[in-house]
N, C-alpha and C. Protein backbone atom coordinates (compact mmCIF):
# COMPACT_ATOMS: atom_id res chain seq x y z
N GLN A 1 225.98 -27.66 -101.53
CA GLN A 1 226.08 -26.85 -100.34
C GLN A 1 227.46 -26.97 -99.72
N HIS A 2 227.83 -25.94 -99.00
CA HIS A 2 229.12 -25.92 -98.32
C HIS A 2 228.98 -26.48 -96.91
N THR A 3 230.02 -27.15 -96.48
CA THR A 3 230.07 -27.66 -95.11
C THR A 3 230.61 -26.57 -94.21
N PRO A 4 229.97 -26.32 -93.06
CA PRO A 4 230.51 -25.29 -92.16
C PRO A 4 231.88 -25.69 -91.64
N ALA A 5 232.69 -24.70 -91.34
CA ALA A 5 234.03 -24.94 -90.80
C ALA A 5 234.41 -23.79 -89.88
N LEU A 6 235.21 -24.10 -88.87
CA LEU A 6 235.72 -23.09 -87.94
C LEU A 6 237.15 -22.74 -88.35
N VAL A 7 237.30 -21.59 -88.96
CA VAL A 7 238.60 -21.15 -89.44
C VAL A 7 239.18 -20.17 -88.43
N ILE A 8 240.40 -20.42 -88.00
CA ILE A 8 241.08 -19.50 -87.09
C ILE A 8 241.47 -18.26 -87.90
N THR A 9 241.00 -17.10 -87.48
CA THR A 9 241.30 -15.87 -88.21
C THR A 9 242.38 -15.03 -87.52
N HIS A 10 242.47 -15.14 -86.18
CA HIS A 10 243.45 -14.37 -85.42
C HIS A 10 243.95 -15.21 -84.26
N VAL A 11 245.19 -15.00 -83.91
CA VAL A 11 245.76 -15.59 -82.69
C VAL A 11 246.46 -14.44 -81.96
N LEU A 12 245.98 -14.13 -80.77
CA LEU A 12 246.54 -13.01 -80.02
C LEU A 12 247.92 -13.35 -79.46
N PRO A 13 248.88 -12.43 -79.61
CA PRO A 13 250.18 -12.65 -78.97
C PRO A 13 250.00 -12.82 -77.46
N ASN A 14 250.81 -13.64 -76.87
CA ASN A 14 250.79 -13.92 -75.42
C ASN A 14 249.59 -14.74 -74.98
N SER A 15 248.80 -15.25 -75.91
CA SER A 15 247.67 -16.10 -75.55
C SER A 15 248.13 -17.56 -75.48
N GLN A 16 247.29 -18.40 -74.89
CA GLN A 16 247.60 -19.83 -74.85
C GLN A 16 247.73 -20.39 -76.26
N ALA A 17 246.89 -19.94 -77.17
CA ALA A 17 246.96 -20.42 -78.56
C ALA A 17 248.28 -20.02 -79.20
N SER A 18 248.74 -18.81 -78.92
CA SER A 18 250.03 -18.35 -79.46
C SER A 18 251.18 -19.18 -78.90
N ARG A 19 251.12 -19.46 -77.62
CA ARG A 19 252.19 -20.25 -76.98
C ARG A 19 252.23 -21.69 -77.48
N ALA A 20 251.07 -22.21 -77.91
CA ALA A 20 251.02 -23.58 -78.42
C ALA A 20 251.80 -23.71 -79.74
N ARG A 21 251.92 -22.62 -80.47
CA ARG A 21 252.66 -22.55 -81.73
C ARG A 21 252.17 -23.55 -82.78
N VAL A 22 250.93 -23.94 -82.66
CA VAL A 22 250.34 -24.86 -83.63
C VAL A 22 249.11 -24.21 -84.26
N LEU A 23 248.37 -23.48 -83.45
CA LEU A 23 247.14 -22.87 -83.91
C LEU A 23 247.47 -21.53 -84.56
N ARG A 24 247.26 -21.48 -85.87
CA ARG A 24 247.63 -20.28 -86.63
C ARG A 24 246.45 -19.84 -87.50
N PRO A 25 246.42 -18.57 -87.87
CA PRO A 25 245.38 -18.13 -88.78
C PRO A 25 245.35 -19.00 -90.04
N GLY A 26 244.14 -19.34 -90.44
CA GLY A 26 243.95 -20.18 -91.62
C GLY A 26 243.72 -21.64 -91.29
N GLU A 27 244.13 -22.07 -90.09
CA GLU A 27 243.90 -23.46 -89.69
C GLU A 27 242.41 -23.66 -89.45
N ILE A 28 241.93 -24.85 -89.71
CA ILE A 28 240.52 -25.20 -89.47
C ILE A 28 240.46 -26.11 -88.26
N ILE A 29 239.64 -25.72 -87.27
CA ILE A 29 239.48 -26.53 -86.07
C ILE A 29 238.53 -27.68 -86.40
N ALA A 30 238.99 -28.90 -86.18
CA ALA A 30 238.19 -30.09 -86.48
C ALA A 30 237.56 -30.69 -85.23
N ALA A 31 238.29 -30.60 -84.09
CA ALA A 31 237.79 -31.23 -82.87
C ALA A 31 238.34 -30.52 -81.64
N VAL A 32 237.56 -30.57 -80.57
CA VAL A 32 237.98 -30.07 -79.26
C VAL A 32 237.74 -31.20 -78.27
N ASN A 33 238.82 -31.64 -77.62
CA ASN A 33 238.75 -32.78 -76.70
C ASN A 33 238.00 -33.97 -77.33
N ASN A 34 238.39 -34.27 -78.55
CA ASN A 34 237.86 -35.40 -79.33
C ASN A 34 236.40 -35.26 -79.74
N GLU A 35 235.81 -34.08 -79.54
CA GLU A 35 234.45 -33.82 -80.00
C GLU A 35 234.54 -33.07 -81.33
N LYS A 36 233.97 -33.64 -82.38
CA LYS A 36 233.98 -32.99 -83.69
C LYS A 36 233.23 -31.67 -83.62
N VAL A 37 233.81 -30.62 -84.19
CA VAL A 37 233.17 -29.30 -84.21
C VAL A 37 233.20 -28.74 -85.63
N GLN A 38 232.08 -28.12 -86.01
CA GLN A 38 232.01 -27.48 -87.32
C GLN A 38 231.43 -26.07 -87.24
N THR A 39 230.73 -25.79 -86.14
CA THR A 39 230.09 -24.49 -85.99
C THR A 39 230.49 -23.87 -84.65
N LEU A 40 230.19 -22.59 -84.49
CA LEU A 40 230.47 -21.93 -83.21
C LEU A 40 229.68 -22.59 -82.08
N ALA A 41 228.45 -23.01 -82.36
CA ALA A 41 227.65 -23.69 -81.33
C ALA A 41 228.33 -25.00 -80.92
N ASP A 42 228.86 -25.75 -81.88
CA ASP A 42 229.60 -26.99 -81.58
C ASP A 42 230.82 -26.68 -80.71
N LEU A 43 231.54 -25.63 -81.08
CA LEU A 43 232.76 -25.24 -80.35
C LEU A 43 232.42 -24.87 -78.91
N ARG A 44 231.42 -24.03 -78.73
CA ARG A 44 231.02 -23.60 -77.38
C ARG A 44 230.60 -24.80 -76.53
N LYS A 45 229.82 -25.69 -77.11
CA LYS A 45 229.37 -26.88 -76.40
C LYS A 45 230.55 -27.75 -75.98
N ALA A 46 231.48 -27.98 -76.89
CA ALA A 46 232.65 -28.81 -76.58
C ALA A 46 233.51 -28.18 -75.49
N ILE A 47 233.65 -26.86 -75.53
CA ILE A 47 234.45 -26.18 -74.50
C ILE A 47 233.75 -26.28 -73.15
N LEU A 48 232.45 -26.04 -73.11
CA LEU A 48 231.72 -26.13 -71.84
C LEU A 48 231.73 -27.55 -71.28
N GLN A 49 231.70 -28.54 -72.14
CA GLN A 49 231.79 -29.92 -71.67
C GLN A 49 233.17 -30.23 -71.09
N SER A 50 234.13 -29.40 -71.39
CA SER A 50 235.50 -29.59 -70.92
C SER A 50 235.79 -28.82 -69.64
N LYS A 51 234.78 -28.20 -69.06
CA LYS A 51 235.00 -27.30 -67.92
C LYS A 51 235.67 -27.97 -66.74
N ASN A 52 235.47 -29.27 -66.57
CA ASN A 52 236.08 -29.98 -65.44
C ASN A 52 237.41 -30.62 -65.81
N LYS A 53 237.87 -30.36 -67.00
CA LYS A 53 239.17 -30.89 -67.43
C LYS A 53 240.22 -29.81 -67.27
N GLU A 54 241.46 -30.24 -67.18
CA GLU A 54 242.55 -29.27 -67.03
C GLU A 54 242.95 -28.65 -68.36
N PHE A 55 242.74 -29.38 -69.44
CA PHE A 55 243.24 -28.93 -70.74
C PHE A 55 242.17 -29.05 -71.82
N LEU A 56 242.28 -28.16 -72.81
CA LEU A 56 241.55 -28.28 -74.06
C LEU A 56 242.53 -28.82 -75.09
N THR A 57 242.16 -29.88 -75.75
CA THR A 57 242.98 -30.39 -76.84
C THR A 57 242.26 -30.03 -78.13
N ILE A 58 242.91 -29.22 -78.93
CA ILE A 58 242.32 -28.75 -80.18
C ILE A 58 243.05 -29.42 -81.33
N ARG A 59 242.28 -30.08 -82.19
CA ARG A 59 242.87 -30.75 -83.37
C ARG A 59 242.41 -30.01 -84.61
N THR A 60 243.36 -29.72 -85.49
CA THR A 60 243.03 -29.07 -86.75
C THR A 60 242.68 -30.14 -87.79
N ASP A 61 242.19 -29.69 -88.93
CA ASP A 61 241.80 -30.65 -89.97
C ASP A 61 242.99 -31.35 -90.60
N ASN A 62 244.20 -30.83 -90.39
CA ASN A 62 245.39 -31.53 -90.89
C ASN A 62 246.15 -32.21 -89.76
N ASN A 63 245.41 -32.54 -88.69
CA ASN A 63 245.91 -33.33 -87.56
C ASN A 63 247.06 -32.70 -86.79
N LEU A 64 247.05 -31.38 -86.67
CA LEU A 64 247.94 -30.70 -85.74
C LEU A 64 247.18 -30.55 -84.43
N TYR A 65 247.88 -30.72 -83.33
CA TYR A 65 247.23 -30.65 -82.01
C TYR A 65 247.79 -29.51 -81.19
N GLY A 66 246.89 -28.77 -80.54
CA GLY A 66 247.27 -27.76 -79.57
C GLY A 66 246.63 -28.13 -78.24
N VAL A 67 247.42 -28.11 -77.19
CA VAL A 67 246.91 -28.43 -75.86
C VAL A 67 247.00 -27.17 -75.02
N LEU A 68 245.84 -26.69 -74.57
CA LEU A 68 245.76 -25.41 -73.87
C LEU A 68 245.21 -25.61 -72.47
N SER A 69 245.81 -24.94 -71.50
CA SER A 69 245.35 -25.00 -70.13
C SER A 69 244.06 -24.19 -69.97
N VAL A 70 243.00 -24.84 -69.51
CA VAL A 70 241.73 -24.14 -69.30
C VAL A 70 241.91 -23.06 -68.23
N ASP A 71 242.61 -23.38 -67.14
CA ASP A 71 242.82 -22.39 -66.09
C ASP A 71 243.58 -21.17 -66.60
N ARG A 72 244.59 -21.39 -67.44
CA ARG A 72 245.37 -20.26 -67.98
C ARG A 72 244.53 -19.42 -68.94
N ILE A 73 243.69 -20.08 -69.72
CA ILE A 73 242.82 -19.34 -70.63
C ILE A 73 241.92 -18.41 -69.83
N VAL A 74 241.30 -18.95 -68.79
CA VAL A 74 240.40 -18.16 -67.95
C VAL A 74 241.17 -17.05 -67.22
N LYS A 75 242.34 -17.38 -66.71
CA LYS A 75 243.15 -16.40 -65.98
C LYS A 75 243.68 -15.29 -66.89
N ASP A 76 244.08 -15.64 -68.12
CA ASP A 76 244.68 -14.66 -69.04
C ASP A 76 243.65 -13.76 -69.72
N GLU A 77 242.40 -14.17 -69.75
CA GLU A 77 241.38 -13.42 -70.51
C GLU A 77 241.26 -11.96 -70.10
N PRO A 78 241.20 -11.60 -68.81
CA PRO A 78 241.09 -10.17 -68.49
C PRO A 78 242.27 -9.34 -69.01
N MET A 79 243.47 -9.87 -68.91
CA MET A 79 244.66 -9.15 -69.41
C MET A 79 244.60 -9.00 -70.93
N LEU A 80 244.25 -10.06 -71.62
CA LEU A 80 244.18 -10.00 -73.08
C LEU A 80 243.08 -9.06 -73.55
N SER A 81 241.92 -9.13 -72.92
CA SER A 81 240.81 -8.26 -73.35
C SER A 81 241.14 -6.79 -73.10
N ALA A 82 241.85 -6.50 -72.03
CA ALA A 82 242.25 -5.11 -71.76
C ALA A 82 243.33 -4.66 -72.74
N GLN A 83 244.28 -5.53 -72.99
CA GLN A 83 245.40 -5.18 -73.88
C GLN A 83 244.96 -5.00 -75.33
N TYR A 84 244.01 -5.82 -75.78
CA TYR A 84 243.60 -5.79 -77.19
C TYR A 84 242.20 -5.19 -77.40
N PHE A 85 241.66 -4.59 -76.34
CA PHE A 85 240.43 -3.80 -76.43
C PHE A 85 239.24 -4.56 -76.99
N TYR A 86 238.94 -5.69 -76.38
CA TYR A 86 237.73 -6.41 -76.74
C TYR A 86 237.01 -6.83 -75.46
N LYS A 87 235.72 -7.07 -75.59
CA LYS A 87 234.93 -7.50 -74.45
C LYS A 87 235.10 -9.00 -74.28
N SER A 88 235.35 -9.42 -73.05
CA SER A 88 235.49 -10.85 -72.76
C SER A 88 234.21 -11.57 -73.18
N SER A 89 234.37 -12.75 -73.75
CA SER A 89 233.21 -13.47 -74.27
C SER A 89 232.38 -14.07 -73.14
N PRO A 90 231.07 -14.18 -73.35
CA PRO A 90 230.22 -14.83 -72.35
C PRO A 90 230.66 -16.26 -72.05
N LEU A 91 231.22 -16.94 -73.03
CA LEU A 91 231.71 -18.31 -72.83
C LEU A 91 232.83 -18.34 -71.79
N ILE A 92 233.77 -17.42 -71.88
CA ILE A 92 234.86 -17.36 -70.91
C ILE A 92 234.32 -16.98 -69.54
N GLU A 93 233.38 -16.06 -69.50
CA GLU A 93 232.77 -15.67 -68.22
C GLU A 93 232.05 -16.85 -67.59
N GLN A 94 231.36 -17.65 -68.41
CA GLN A 94 230.67 -18.82 -67.89
C GLN A 94 231.68 -19.84 -67.36
N LEU A 95 232.77 -20.05 -68.08
CA LEU A 95 233.82 -20.95 -67.61
C LEU A 95 234.39 -20.47 -66.27
N ARG A 96 234.62 -19.16 -66.19
CA ARG A 96 235.17 -18.58 -64.96
C ARG A 96 234.24 -18.85 -63.77
N GLU A 97 232.96 -18.60 -63.97
CA GLU A 97 231.99 -18.82 -62.90
C GLU A 97 231.93 -20.29 -62.50
N GLU A 98 231.94 -21.18 -63.47
CA GLU A 98 231.85 -22.60 -63.16
C GLU A 98 233.11 -23.13 -62.51
N LYS A 99 234.26 -22.52 -62.83
CA LYS A 99 235.52 -22.91 -62.19
C LYS A 99 235.50 -22.48 -60.72
N ARG A 100 234.89 -21.32 -60.44
CA ARG A 100 234.80 -20.84 -59.06
C ARG A 100 233.82 -21.69 -58.24
N GLY A 101 232.71 -22.08 -58.92
CA GLY A 101 231.60 -22.74 -58.26
C GLY A 101 231.94 -24.05 -57.66
């Protein structure tokens, strides 16, 4: 059997991930804030657990690190979703609400 993996397929220009210059298409996300992740459910859980932190630290399977501002991610999402024509994810909306709360 195959082990699940989170492969980065796209990095939007002007996003926090793009500015980090470490997270690139083809990289495999191994951990978020030191929590091992292999599935989308793992990733969502790790991000939500980080809601009270200022930064997300993303480690790839080859030990590259990207440090992203949670506030900037939440703040930039409406601009990015409008510019690239996608619906903002429920995860980002949940983060936004919890940051306000």
